[in-house]
Amino acid sequence: MGMKISKMGLSIAHNITLLGINNATLDGSNRMYQLEIGNMSNRLQITLRDILFVNFPRVYSNANLTLERCHFINSTFSVNDGSLIARDCTFEHGKLRSCSDDSGGLALHHVTGALTNCSFIGNDAFLNTSACNGGAGEGLVVSCSNITLIDPVIESNIAAWGGGITAYNSTLKIHGGRIMHNRALPVNHTNPVSHFGGIGGAIDAVRSKVTLDNTIISGNLARVAAAINSTKNSEIRLLGNVVTSDNREI
């Protein structure tokens, strides 16, 4: 049937389309190690539609994945070496649990994809420890990827680097949408006493090309660069009516 449940979690390891009926919910109850989508041997074609995923400590995919009207709550999601097409999905209240996690919300590594009308809200990737630099890209991490966001909502997320989005060695295009009320907070060093992180309240771009087109960036907070931080030969392009307002450095 394409699905396997074990003490380690739930695995979807065949080409399959899963349709949620009558508010279908998969609950990891914070006990399962992960929800694994795809396998390491083949690039599977998997579609998930109308399903609520809650309380999965880790959701992992290396498939060519399509998500339609799926919602991930209190779950961290990582897509590696595949593709992602997502429409009308939400990633809410995910939390970075350890330095080995990628993001509080969604992390994309070596992925090509487009996300339309998707929301990243209230995710928490902030770890106040120097061991893993505090956590990056609370709502969304884009690493070595080519991603387009259409009308996203990226709001009320928190991290040490890139409160809303971290883009690393990637091409990221954002059309419309809003990036609001995200926070990049500094991490406390105790030996010696110092502070680092707290950079890029809305976006932290590292070796990346980021295009913003008719996007609202407002009410974000950071120690440095409350709106957009651009480093290491990154390129930021602003098209149309990009509104930045009320972003504040602390």
Protein backbone atom coordinates (compact mmCIF):
# COMPACT_ATOMS: atom_id res chain seq x y z
CA MET A 1 0.00 0.00 0.00
CA GLY A 2 3.04 2.28 -0.08
CA MET A 3 3.14 3.12 3.64
CA LYS A 4 4.96 1.46 6.52
CA ILE A 5 4.69 2.22 10.22
CA SER A 6 7.44 1.18 12.62
CA LYS A 7 8.64 2.20 16.05
CA MET A 8 10.91 4.71 14.30
CA GLY A 9 8.07 6.41 12.46
CA LEU A 10 6.04 6.42 9.27
CA SER A 11 7.59 5.74 5.86
CA ILE A 12 6.10 6.43 2.42
CA ALA A 13 8.35 4.53 0.02
CA HIS A 14 6.46 4.04 -3.27
CA ASN A 15 5.11 6.22 -6.04
CA ILE A 16 1.77 7.17 -4.55
CA THR A 17 -0.94 9.80 -4.19
CA LEU A 18 -2.43 10.09 -0.70
CA LEU A 19 -5.74 11.90 -0.39
CA GLY A 20 -7.03 13.05 2.98
CA ILE A 21 -10.75 12.53 3.47
CA ASN A 22 -12.87 14.17 6.19
CA ASN A 23 -10.07 16.22 7.78
CA ALA A 24 -7.55 13.37 7.77
CA THR A 25 -4.83 13.80 10.41
CA LEU A 26 -1.51 12.01 10.93
CA ASP A 27 -0.27 12.56 14.48
CA GLY A 28 3.30 11.70 15.41
CA SER A 29 2.48 12.40 19.07
CA ASN A 30 6.08 13.65 19.42
CA ARG A 31 7.12 10.03 19.94
CA MET A 32 7.85 8.95 16.39
CA TYR A 33 11.35 9.67 15.20
CA GLN A 34 10.25 10.90 11.78
CA LEU A 35 7.93 10.83 8.82
CA GLU A 36 10.06 9.74 5.85
CA ILE A 37 8.79 10.47 2.34
CA GLY A 38 10.68 8.68 -0.45
CA ASN A 39 13.71 6.41 -0.32
CA MET A 40 17.42 6.62 -1.06
CA SER A 41 17.34 4.24 -4.04
CA ASN A 42 14.86 5.90 -6.41
CA ARG A 43 13.47 9.38 -7.03
CA LEU A 44 9.81 8.71 -6.25
CA GLN A 45 6.81 10.70 -7.44
CA ILE A 46 4.63 11.38 -4.38
CA THR A 47 1.57 13.59 -3.99
CA LEU A 48 -0.02 14.41 -0.63
CA ARG A 49 -3.34 16.23 -0.59
CA ASP A 50 -5.64 17.54 2.15
CA ILE A 51 -3.74 16.05 5.11
CA LEU A 52 -2.91 17.56 8.48
CA PHE A 53 0.44 16.48 9.95
CA VAL A 54 0.97 17.25 13.63
CA ASN A 55 3.66 16.60 16.24
CA PHE A 56 6.31 14.99 14.03
CA PRO A 57 9.79 15.78 15.40
CA ARG A 58 11.14 15.36 11.88
CA VAL A 59 9.57 15.12 8.43
CA TYR A 60 12.04 14.21 5.68
CA SER A 61 11.65 13.91 1.89
CA ASN A 62 13.99 13.15 -0.98
CA ALA A 63 11.16 12.54 -3.45
CA ASN A 64 9.72 14.63 -6.24
CA LEU A 65 7.01 15.83 -3.92
CA THR A 66 3.73 17.64 -4.54
CA LEU A 67 1.79 19.04 -1.58
CA GLU A 68 -1.73 20.40 -1.95
CA ARG A 69 -3.63 21.89 0.97
CA CYS A 70 -1.44 20.11 3.50
CA HIS A 71 -0.74 21.55 6.93
CA PHE A 72 2.24 20.86 9.16
CA ILE A 73 1.86 21.88 12.80
CA ASN A 74 4.54 21.41 15.47
CA SER A 75 6.58 19.50 12.89
CA THR A 76 9.94 20.30 11.26
CA PHE A 77 10.20 19.51 7.55
CA SER A 78 13.33 18.95 5.45
CA VAL A 79 13.46 18.27 1.70
CA ASN A 80 16.78 17.05 0.28
CA ASP A 81 17.88 16.46 -3.31
CA GLY A 82 14.37 16.26 -4.75
CA SER A 83 11.77 18.73 -5.97
CA LEU A 84 8.86 20.40 -4.25
CA ILE A 85 5.62 21.83 -5.63
CA ALA A 86 3.37 23.13 -2.86
CA ARG A 87 0.02 24.90 -3.06
CA ASP A 88 -2.06 26.32 -0.22
CA CYS A 89 0.02 24.70 2.51
CA THR A 90 0.95 25.90 6.00
CA PHE A 91 3.99 25.28 8.18
CA GLU A 92 3.18 26.45 11.69
CA HIS A 93 4.73 26.31 15.17
CA GLY A 94 7.58 24.01 14.23
CA LYS A 95 10.52 24.09 16.60
CA LEU A 96 14.24 23.47 16.20
CA ARG A 97 14.89 20.75 18.77
CA SER A 98 18.65 20.29 18.36
CA CYS A 99 21.66 21.46 16.37
CA SER A 100 21.14 18.58 13.94
CA ASP A 101 17.76 19.96 12.82
CA ASP A 102 17.61 22.20 9.76
CA SER A 103 14.86 24.72 10.49
CA GLY A 104 11.88 25.26 12.66
CA GLY A 105 9.59 25.35 9.64
CA LEU A 106 10.79 24.11 6.23
CA ALA A 107 14.36 23.46 5.01
CA LEU A 108 15.17 22.91 1.33
CA HIS A 109 18.57 21.51 0.33
CA HIS A 110 19.50 20.97 -3.34
CA VAL A 111 15.85 21.37 -4.31
CA THR A 112 14.09 22.93 -7.28
CA GLY A 113 10.55 24.02 -6.65
CA ALA A 114 7.71 26.51 -6.40
CA LEU A 115 5.45 27.22 -3.44
CA THR A 116 2.19 29.09 -4.04
CA ASN A 117 -0.01 30.60 -1.32
CA CYS A 118 1.94 28.91 1.45
CA SER A 119 2.29 30.22 5.00
CA PHE A 120 5.14 29.94 7.49
CA ILE A 121 3.88 31.17 10.84
CA GLY A 122 5.12 31.05 14.41
CA ASN A 123 8.06 28.71 13.86
CA ASP A 124 10.94 28.74 16.35
CA ALA A 125 14.51 27.98 15.28
CA PHE A 126 16.22 29.92 18.05
CA LEU A 127 18.60 27.98 20.27
CA ASN A 128 20.41 30.27 22.69
CA THR A 129 23.65 28.33 22.46
CA SER A 130 26.91 28.89 20.61
CA ALA A 131 27.16 25.16 19.86
CA CYS A 132 25.16 25.51 16.63
CA ASN A 133 25.20 29.27 16.10
CA GLY A 134 21.73 29.69 17.50
CA GLY A 135 19.68 28.33 14.61
CA ALA A 136 18.98 29.80 11.17
CA GLY A 137 16.06 30.41 8.85
CA GLU A 138 13.21 30.00 11.24
CA GLY A 139 10.37 29.99 8.75
CA LEU A 140 12.26 28.80 5.69
CA VAL A 141 15.82 27.71 4.88
CA VAL A 142 16.81 27.61 1.20
CA SER A 143 20.23 26.01 0.68
CA CYS A 144 21.86 25.26 -2.69
CA SER A 145 18.41 25.43 -4.25
CA ASN A 146 16.33 27.26 -6.84
CA ILE A 147 13.00 28.22 -5.29
CA THR A 148 10.09 30.47 -6.25
CA LEU A 149 7.60 31.71 -3.66
CA ILE A 150 4.30 33.12 -4.91
CA ASP A 151 2.19 35.12 -2.45
CA PRO A 152 3.78 33.66 0.69
CA VAL A 153 2.97 34.64 4.24
CA ILE A 154 6.09 34.50 6.42
CA GLU A 155 5.15 35.84 9.79
CA SER A 156 6.07 35.78 13.50
CA ASN A 157 9.02 33.41 13.18
CA ILE A 158 12.20 33.58 15.27
CA ALA A 159 15.83 32.53 14.71
CA ALA A 160 19.38 33.75 15.25
CA TRP A 161 20.06 34.14 11.51
CA GLY A 162 17.31 35.05 9.07
CA GLY A 163 14.22 35.33 11.24
CA GLY A 164 11.94 34.75 8.27
CA ILE A 165 14.15 33.23 5.56
CA THR A 166 17.77 32.14 5.21
CA ALA A 167 19.05 31.76 1.64
CA TYR A 168 22.46 30.13 1.25
CA ASN A 169 24.12 29.63 -2.13
CA SER A 170 20.69 29.72 -3.75
CA THR A 171 18.41 31.50 -6.17
CA LEU A 172 15.22 32.68 -4.47
CA LYS A 173 12.39 34.57 -6.17
CA ILE A 174 9.53 36.01 -4.12
CA HIS A 175 6.48 37.38 -5.93
CA GLY A 176 3.96 39.24 -3.81
CA GLY A 177 3.17 38.13 -0.28
CA ARG A 178 4.39 39.51 3.02
CA ILE A 179 7.29 38.94 5.38
CA MET A 180 6.26 40.46 8.71
CA HIS A 181 7.00 40.45 12.44
CA ASN A 182 9.89 38.01 12.27
CA ARG A 183 12.82 38.24 14.68
CA ALA A 184 16.53 37.46 14.43
CA LEU A 185 17.83 37.49 17.99
CA PRO A 186 21.43 37.48 19.21
CA VAL A 187 22.86 34.43 20.92
CA ASN A 188 24.67 34.92 24.21
CA HIS A 189 28.27 33.77 24.48
CA THR A 190 29.38 33.24 28.07
CA ASN A 191 33.07 32.47 27.48
CA PRO A 192 34.09 35.07 26.50
CA VAL A 193 31.02 37.23 27.03
CA SER A 194 29.88 38.43 23.60
CA HIS A 195 26.95 38.32 21.21
CA PHE A 196 26.53 36.97 17.70
CA GLY A 197 23.62 36.17 15.44
CA GLY A 198 20.64 38.46 15.47
CA ILE A 199 21.17 39.15 11.76
CA GLY A 200 18.55 39.54 9.04
CA GLY A 201 15.16 40.00 10.67
CA ALA A 202 13.23 39.19 7.48
CA ILE A 203 15.89 37.66 5.19
CA ASP A 204 19.51 36.62 5.56
CA ALA A 205 21.11 36.06 2.13
CA VAL A 206 24.53 34.40 1.87
CA ARG A 207 26.06 33.84 -1.58
CA SER A 208 22.56 34.02 -3.03
CA LYS A 209 20.48 35.82 -5.63
CA VAL A 210 17.23 37.03 -4.12
CA THR A 211 14.51 38.78 -6.13
CA LEU A 212 11.59 40.52 -4.44
CA ASP A 213 8.62 41.61 -6.56
CA ASN A 214 5.73 43.52 -4.97
CA THR A 215 6.46 42.12 -1.53
CA ILE A 216 5.74 43.69 1.86
CA ILE A 217 8.55 43.54 4.43
CA SER A 218 7.35 45.08 7.66
CA GLY A 219 7.72 44.96 11.43
CA ASN A 220 10.77 42.70 11.51
CA LEU A 221 13.36 42.88 14.28
CA ALA A 222 17.11 42.12 14.42
CA ARG A 223 20.38 43.21 15.98
CA VAL A 224 21.75 43.89 12.48
CA ALA A 225 19.76 44.40 9.27
CA ALA A 226 16.19 44.19 10.50
CA ALA A 227 14.85 43.82 6.95
CA ILE A 228 17.41 42.16 4.64
CA ASN A 229 20.99 41.13 5.31
CA SER A 230 23.15 40.47 2.24
CA THR A 231 26.66 39.05 2.56
CA LYS A 232 29.38 37.23 0.59
CA ASN A 233 28.56 38.42 -2.92
CA SER A 234 24.82 38.06 -2.62
CA GLU A 235 22.61 39.95 -5.07
CA ILE A 236 19.30 41.50 -4.01
CA ARG A 237 16.90 42.70 -6.73
CA LEU A 238 13.83 44.78 -5.90
CA LEU A 239 11.10 44.88 -8.54
CA GLY A 240 7.71 46.54 -8.61
CA ASN A 241 6.46 48.01 -5.37
CA VAL A 242 8.51 46.48 -2.55
CA VAL A 243 7.34 48.04 0.71
CA THR A 244 9.65 48.08 3.72
CA SER A 245 8.39 49.73 6.89
CA ASP A 246 8.70 49.61 10.66
CA ASN A 247 11.64 47.21 10.63
CA ARG A 248 13.78 47.86 13.70
CA GLU A 249 17.26 47.08 14.95
CA ILE A 250 17.77 46.32 18.63
